[in-house]
Amino acid sequence: MNNSIFIHRKTGNKYVVIGECLNYTNAQDGQEMVIYFRNGRTFVREKAEFLEKFVQEEPRSEERRVG
C-alpha cells in the first residue's frame, strides 16, 4: 500500500499513501490508520473508511509486469 496512488471516489483527486499506523488514543486503541499525501499536505484517516472512499489507481500498461 505504501507509495501507491489512490483516487478519491467522489472528487477524483489523487493521493499518495505514505504509510500506515495504529491509533492508541483512549477509546481508539489499536485502530488502523492510513497516512496519505497531496499537494504538500499530509492526512490521516481510519483504514476501513479510507478503503471505502478511495480506490487504488491501476498501473499504466507500460508499468505492468509481463511474466
PDB file of N, CA and C in Angstrom:
ATOM      1  N   MET A   1       0.813  -1.188   0.000  1.00  0.00           N
ATOM      2  CA  MET A   1       0.000   0.000   0.000  1.00  0.00           C
ATOM      3  C   MET A   1       0.870   1.270   0.000  1.00  0.00           C
ATOM      4  N   ASN A   2       2.046   1.194   0.619  1.00  0.00           N
ATOM      5  CA  ASN A   2       2.926   2.365   0.666  1.00  0.00           C
ATOM      6  C   ASN A   2       3.354   2.787  -0.731  1.00  0.00           C
ATOM      7  N   ASN A   3       3.408   4.086  -0.954  1.00  0.00           N
ATOM      8  CA  ASN A   3       3.794   4.710  -2.221  1.00  0.00           C
ATOM      9  C   ASN A   3       2.833   4.396  -3.363  1.00  0.00           C
ATOM     10  N   SER A   4       1.663   3.877  -3.037  1.00  0.00           N
ATOM     11  CA  SER A   4       0.647   3.633  -4.055  1.00  0.00           C
ATOM     12  C   SER A   4      -0.212   4.876  -4.222  1.00  0.00           C
ATOM     13  N   ILE A   5      -0.735   5.049  -5.418  1.00  0.00           N
ATOM     14  CA  ILE A   5      -1.616   6.179  -5.694  1.00  0.00           C
ATOM     15  C   ILE A   5      -3.060   5.709  -5.554  1.00  0.00           C
ATOM     16  N   PHE A   6      -3.839   6.489  -4.802  1.00  0.00           N
ATOM     17  CA  PHE A   6      -5.256   6.208  -4.620  1.00  0.00           C
ATOM     18  C   PHE A   6      -6.062   7.399  -5.100  1.00  0.00           C
ATOM     19  N   ILE A   7      -7.238   7.125  -5.646  1.00  0.00           N
ATOM     20  CA  ILE A   7      -8.120   8.155  -6.186  1.00  0.00           C
ATOM     21  C   ILE A   7      -9.363   8.252  -5.304  1.00  0.00           C
ATOM     22  N   HIS A   8      -9.678   9.476  -4.888  1.00  0.00           N
ATOM     23  CA  HIS A   8     -10.879   9.699  -4.087  1.00  0.00           C
ATOM     24  C   HIS A   8     -12.089   9.468  -4.984  1.00  0.00           C
ATOM     25  N   ARG A   9     -12.978   8.592  -4.568  1.00  0.00           N
ATOM     26  CA  ARG A   9     -14.119   8.198  -5.405  1.00  0.00           C
ATOM     27  C   ARG A   9     -15.032   9.373  -5.751  1.00  0.00           C
ATOM     28  N   LYS A  10     -15.199  10.321  -4.843  1.00  0.00           N
ATOM     29  CA  LYS A  10     -16.126  11.435  -5.065  1.00  0.00           C
ATOM     30  C   LYS A  10     -15.496  12.567  -5.870  1.00  0.00           C
ATOM     31  N   THR A  11     -14.270  12.959  -5.521  1.00  0.00           N
ATOM     32  CA  THR A  11     -13.653  14.132  -6.160  1.00  0.00           C
ATOM     33  C   THR A  11     -12.759  13.796  -7.342  1.00  0.00           C
ATOM     34  N   GLY A  12     -12.251  12.552  -7.386  1.00  0.00           N
ATOM     35  CA  GLY A  12     -11.311  12.180  -8.434  1.00  0.00           C
ATOM     36  C   GLY A  12      -9.887  12.621  -8.154  1.00  0.00           C
ATOM     37  N   ASN A  13      -9.651  13.275  -7.012  1.00  0.00           N
ATOM     38  CA  ASN A  13      -8.301  13.706  -6.653  1.00  0.00           C
ATOM     39  C   ASN A  13      -7.408  12.514  -6.351  1.00  0.00           C
ATOM     40  N   LYS A  14      -6.124  12.634  -6.717  1.00  0.00           N
ATOM     41  CA  LYS A  14      -5.160  11.563  -6.488  1.00  0.00           C
ATOM     42  C   LYS A  14      -4.329  11.872  -5.251  1.00  0.00           C
ATOM     43  N   TYR A  15      -4.061  10.838  -4.463  1.00  0.00           N
ATOM     44  CA  TYR A  15      -3.269  10.940  -3.240  1.00  0.00           C
ATOM     45  C   TYR A  15      -2.252   9.816  -3.225  1.00  0.00           C
ATOM     46  N   VAL A  16      -1.121  10.034  -2.546  1.00  0.00           N
ATOM     47  CA  VAL A  16      -0.101   9.009  -2.392  1.00  0.00           C
ATOM     48  C   VAL A  16      -0.141   8.518  -0.947  1.00  0.00           C
ATOM     49  N   VAL A  17      -0.300   7.209  -0.773  1.00  0.00           N
ATOM     50  CA  VAL A  17      -0.247   6.624   0.572  1.00  0.00           C
ATOM     51  C   VAL A  17       1.212   6.555   0.976  1.00  0.00           C
ATOM     52  N   ILE A  18       1.529   7.139   2.133  1.00  0.00           N
ATOM     53  CA  ILE A  18       2.921   7.150   2.593  1.00  0.00           C
ATOM     54  C   ILE A  18       3.150   6.225   3.774  1.00  0.00           C
ATOM     55  N   GLY A  19       2.096   5.636   4.313  1.00  0.00           N
ATOM     56  CA  GLY A  19       2.290   4.696   5.400  1.00  0.00           C
ATOM     57  C   GLY A  19       0.998   4.342   6.099  1.00  0.00           C
ATOM     58  N   GLU A  20       1.143   3.430   7.053  1.00  0.00           N
ATOM     59  CA  GLU A  20       0.044   3.040   7.915  1.00  0.00           C
ATOM     60  C   GLU A  20       0.526   3.140   9.351  1.00  0.00           C
ATOM     61  N   CYS A  21      -0.411   3.328  10.277  1.00  0.00           N
ATOM     62  CA  CYS A  21      -0.047   3.415  11.692  1.00  0.00           C
ATOM     63  C   CYS A  21      -1.219   2.931  12.535  1.00  0.00           C
ATOM     64  N   LEU A  22      -0.995   2.853  13.831  1.00  0.00           N
ATOM     65  CA  LEU A  22      -2.036   2.461  14.772  1.00  0.00           C
ATOM     66  C   LEU A  22      -2.365   3.644  15.664  1.00  0.00           C
ATOM     67  N   ASN A  23      -3.645   3.841  15.902  1.00  0.00           N
ATOM     68  CA  ASN A  23      -4.125   4.910  16.775  1.00  0.00           C
ATOM     69  C   ASN A  23      -4.277   4.333  18.178  1.00  0.00           C
ATOM     70  N   TYR A  24      -3.507   4.843  19.122  1.00  0.00           N
ATOM     71  CA  TYR A  24      -3.589   4.392  20.508  1.00  0.00           C
ATOM     72  C   TYR A  24      -4.004   5.528  21.426  1.00  0.00           C
ATOM     73  N   THR A  25      -5.044   6.265  21.027  1.00  0.00           N
ATOM     74  CA  THR A  25      -5.556   7.347  21.856  1.00  0.00           C
ATOM     75  C   THR A  25      -6.898   6.934  22.444  1.00  0.00           C
ATOM     76  N   ASN A  26      -6.916   6.739  23.744  1.00  0.00           N
ATOM     77  CA  ASN A  26      -8.132   6.447  24.503  1.00  0.00           C
ATOM     78  C   ASN A  26      -8.952   5.311  23.908  1.00  0.00           C
ATOM     79  N   ALA A  27     -10.182   5.561  23.490  1.00  0.00           N
ATOM     80  CA  ALA A  27     -11.095   4.519  23.032  1.00  0.00           C
ATOM     81  C   ALA A  27     -10.708   3.904  21.685  1.00  0.00           C
ATOM     82  N   GLN A  28      -9.800   4.532  20.947  1.00  0.00           N
ATOM     83  CA  GLN A  28      -9.419   4.030  19.628  1.00  0.00           C
ATOM     84  C   GLN A  28      -8.207   3.100  19.672  1.00  0.00           C
ATOM     85  N   ASP A  29      -7.838   2.575  20.824  1.00  0.00           N
ATOM     86  CA  ASP A  29      -6.639   1.740  20.927  1.00  0.00           C
ATOM     87  C   ASP A  29      -6.582   0.663  19.849  1.00  0.00           C
ATOM     88  N   GLY A  30      -5.525   0.701  19.073  1.00  0.00           N
ATOM     89  CA  GLY A  30      -5.286  -0.303  18.044  1.00  0.00           C
ATOM     90  C   GLY A  30      -5.975  -0.037  16.718  1.00  0.00           C
ATOM     91  N   GLN A  31      -6.649   1.074  16.573  1.00  0.00           N
ATOM     92  CA  GLN A  31      -7.347   1.390  15.319  1.00  0.00           C
ATOM     93  C   GLN A  31      -6.319   1.597  14.209  1.00  0.00           C
ATOM     94  N   GLU A  32      -6.503   0.884  13.086  1.00  0.00           N
ATOM     95  CA  GLU A  32      -5.589   1.004  11.950  1.00  0.00           C
ATOM     96  C   GLU A  32      -5.895   2.282  11.182  1.00  0.00           C
ATOM     97  N   MET A  33      -4.825   3.016  10.839  1.00  0.00           N
ATOM     98  CA  MET A  33      -4.947   4.293  10.155  1.00  0.00           C
ATOM     99  C   MET A  33      -4.086   4.288   8.892  1.00  0.00           C
ATOM    100  N   VAL A  34      -4.456   5.114   7.917  1.00  0.00           N
ATOM    101  CA  VAL A  34      -3.684   5.298   6.692  1.00  0.00           C
ATOM    102  C   VAL A  34      -3.199   6.745   6.665  1.00  0.00           C
ATOM    103  N   ILE A  35      -1.931   6.934   6.336  1.00  0.00           N
ATOM    104  CA  ILE A  35      -1.337   8.262   6.200  1.00  0.00           C
ATOM    105  C   ILE A  35      -1.152   8.514   4.715  1.00  0.00           C
ATOM    106  N   TYR A  36      -1.677   9.631   4.221  1.00  0.00           N
ATOM    107  CA  TYR A  36      -1.594   9.906   2.785  1.00  0.00           C
ATOM    108  C   TYR A  36      -1.322  11.379   2.540  1.00  0.00           C
ATOM    109  N   PHE A  37      -0.927  11.706   1.308  1.00  0.00           N
ATOM    110  CA  PHE A  37      -0.322  12.988   0.984  1.00  0.00           C
ATOM    111  C   PHE A  37      -0.849  13.513  -0.339  1.00  0.00           C
ATOM    112  N   ARG A  38      -1.027  14.851  -0.410  1.00  0.00           N
ATOM    113  CA  ARG A  38      -1.399  15.511  -1.670  1.00  0.00           C
ATOM    114  C   ARG A  38      -1.088  16.993  -1.554  1.00  0.00           C
ATOM    115  N   ASN A  39      -0.458  17.553  -2.570  1.00  0.00           N
ATOM    116  CA  ASN A  39      -0.200  18.999  -2.657  1.00  0.00           C
ATOM    117  C   ASN A  39       0.434  19.577  -1.387  1.00  0.00           C
ATOM    118  N   GLY A  40       1.436  18.892  -0.871  1.00  0.00           N
ATOM    119  CA  GLY A  40       2.153  19.406   0.285  1.00  0.00           C
ATOM    120  C   GLY A  40       1.450  19.241   1.618  1.00  0.00           C
ATOM    121  N   ARG A  41       0.326  18.552   1.636  1.00  0.00           N
ATOM    122  CA  ARG A  41      -0.427  18.334   2.877  1.00  0.00           C
ATOM    123  C   ARG A  41      -0.497  16.847   3.190  1.00  0.00           C
ATOM    124  N   THR A  42      -0.382  16.530   4.471  1.00  0.00           N
ATOM    125  CA  THR A  42      -0.448  15.145   4.935  1.00  0.00           C
ATOM    126  C   THR A  42      -1.759  14.938   5.679  1.00  0.00           C
ATOM    127  N   PHE A  43      -2.397  13.793   5.420  1.00  0.00           N
ATOM    128  CA  PHE A  43      -3.691  13.463   6.009  1.00  0.00           C
ATOM    129  C   PHE A  43      -3.614  12.100   6.681  1.00  0.00           C
ATOM    130  N   VAL A  44      -4.530  11.855   7.600  1.00  0.00           N
ATOM    131  CA  VAL A  44      -4.652  10.531   8.218  1.00  0.00           C
ATOM    132  C   VAL A  44      -6.141  10.207   8.321  1.00  0.00           C
ATOM    133  N   ARG A  45      -6.457   8.948   8.051  1.00  0.00           N
ATOM    134  CA  ARG A  45      -7.856   8.518   8.084  1.00  0.00           C
ATOM    135  C   ARG A  45      -7.901   7.059   8.540  1.00  0.00           C
ATOM    136  N   GLU A  46      -8.964   6.696   9.208  1.00  0.00           N
ATOM    137  CA  GLU A  46      -9.144   5.312   9.639  1.00  0.00           C
ATOM    138  C   GLU A  46      -9.138   4.418   8.389  1.00  0.00           C
ATOM    139  N   LYS A  47      -8.442   3.293   8.455  1.00  0.00           N
ATOM    140  CA  LYS A  47      -8.183   2.464   7.275  1.00  0.00           C
ATOM    141  C   LYS A  47      -9.463   1.979   6.597  1.00  0.00           C
ATOM    142  N   ALA A  48     -10.430   1.482   7.366  1.00  0.00           N
ATOM    143  CA  ALA A  48     -11.669   0.977   6.757  1.00  0.00           C
ATOM    144  C   ALA A  48     -12.394   2.096   6.004  1.00  0.00           C
ATOM    145  N   GLU A  49     -12.434   3.287   6.585  1.00  0.00           N
ATOM    146  CA  GLU A  49     -13.073   4.424   5.924  1.00  0.00           C
ATOM    147  C   GLU A  49     -12.291   4.832   4.675  1.00  0.00           C
ATOM    148  N   PHE A  50     -10.953   4.815   4.773  1.00  0.00           N
ATOM    149  CA  PHE A  50     -10.111   5.149   3.621  1.00  0.00           C
ATOM    150  C   PHE A  50     -10.427   4.219   2.449  1.00  0.00           C
ATOM    151  N   LEU A  51     -10.512   2.921   2.730  1.00  0.00           N
ATOM    152  CA  LEU A  51     -10.751   1.944   1.662  1.00  0.00           C
ATOM    153  C   LEU A  51     -12.155   2.054   1.068  1.00  0.00           C
ATOM    154  N   GLU A  52     -13.094   2.637   1.813  1.00  0.00           N
ATOM    155  CA  GLU A  52     -14.437   2.894   1.276  1.00  0.00           C
ATOM    156  C   GLU A  52     -14.441   4.100   0.345  1.00  0.00           C
ATOM    157  N   LYS A  53     -13.643   5.111   0.674  1.00  0.00           N
ATOM    158  CA  LYS A  53     -13.686   6.386  -0.041  1.00  0.00           C
ATOM    159  C   LYS A  53     -12.663   6.510  -1.165  1.00  0.00           C
ATOM    160  N   PHE A  54     -11.688   5.601  -1.214  1.00  0.00           N
ATOM    161  CA  PHE A  54     -10.616   5.681  -2.202  1.00  0.00           C
ATOM    162  C   PHE A  54     -10.486   4.356  -2.939  1.00  0.00           C
ATOM    163  N   VAL A  55     -10.015   4.433  -4.167  1.00  0.00           N
ATOM    164  CA  VAL A  55      -9.727   3.246  -4.967  1.00  0.00           C
ATOM    165  C   VAL A  55      -8.295   3.370  -5.478  1.00  0.00           C
ATOM    166  N   GLN A  56      -7.570   2.248  -5.477  1.00  0.00           N
ATOM    167  CA  GLN A  56      -6.178   2.286  -5.929  1.00  0.00           C
ATOM    168  C   GLN A  56      -6.120   2.462  -7.438  1.00  0.00           C
ATOM    169  N   GLU A  57      -5.236   3.356  -7.874  1.00  0.00           N
ATOM    170  CA  GLU A  57      -5.052   3.603  -9.302  1.00  0.00           C
ATOM    171  C   GLU A  57      -4.425   2.378  -9.947  1.00  0.00           C
ATOM    172  N   GLU A  58      -4.934   2.011 -11.094  1.00  0.00           N
ATOM    173  CA  GLU A  58      -4.367   0.896 -11.856  1.00  0.00           C
ATOM    174  C   GLU A  58      -3.074   1.337 -12.509  1.00  0.00           C
ATOM    175  N   PRO A  59      -2.045   0.474 -12.477  1.00  0.00           N
ATOM    176  CA  PRO A  59      -0.804   0.853 -13.168  1.00  0.00           C
ATOM    177  C   PRO A  59      -1.035   0.974 -14.668  1.00  0.00           C
ATOM    178  N   ARG A  60      -0.324   1.905 -15.278  1.00  0.00           N
ATOM    179  CA  ARG A  60      -0.425   2.046 -16.737  1.00  0.00           C
ATOM    180  C   ARG A  60       0.136   0.801 -17.403  1.00  0.00           C
ATOM    181  N   SER A  61      -0.298   0.520 -18.616  1.00  0.00           N
ATOM    182  CA  SER A  61       0.075  -0.722 -19.285  1.00  0.00           C
ATOM    183  C   SER A  61       1.586  -0.903 -19.392  1.00  0.00           C
ATOM    184  N   GLU A  62       2.340   0.175 -19.599  1.00  0.00           N
ATOM    185  CA  GLU A  62       3.794   0.033 -19.728  1.00  0.00           C
ATOM    186  C   GLU A  62       4.459  -0.235 -18.384  1.00  0.00           C
ATOM    187  N   GLU A  63       3.723  -0.019 -17.256  1.00  0.00           N
ATOM    188  CA  GLU A  63       4.275  -0.277 -15.943  1.00  0.00           C
ATOM    189  C   GLU A  63       3.964  -1.688 -15.457  1.00  0.00           C
ATOM    190  N   ARG A  64       3.018  -2.351 -16.110  1.00  0.00           N
ATOM    191  CA  ARG A  64       2.640  -3.703 -15.697  1.00  0.00           C
ATOM    192  C   ARG A  64       3.737  -4.691 -16.047  1.00  0.00           C
ATOM    193  N   ARG A  65       3.927  -5.639 -15.147  1.00  0.00           N
ATOM    194  CA  ARG A  65       4.942  -6.666 -15.385  1.00  0.00           C
ATOM    195  C   ARG A  65       4.436  -7.712 -16.364  1.00  0.00           C
ATOM    196  N   VAL A  66       5.307  -8.148 -17.196  1.00  0.00           N
ATOM    197  CA  VAL A  66       4.974  -9.228 -18.116  1.00  0.00           C
ATOM    198  C   VAL A  66       5.679 -10.466 -17.598  1.00  0.00           C
ATOM    199  N   GLY A  67       4.929 -11.547 -17.354  1.00  0.00           N
ATOM    200  CA  GLY A  67       5.563 -12.701 -16.715  1.00  0.00           C
ATOM    201  C   GLY A  67       5.331 -13.953 -17.366  1.00  0.00           C
TER     202      GLY A  67
END
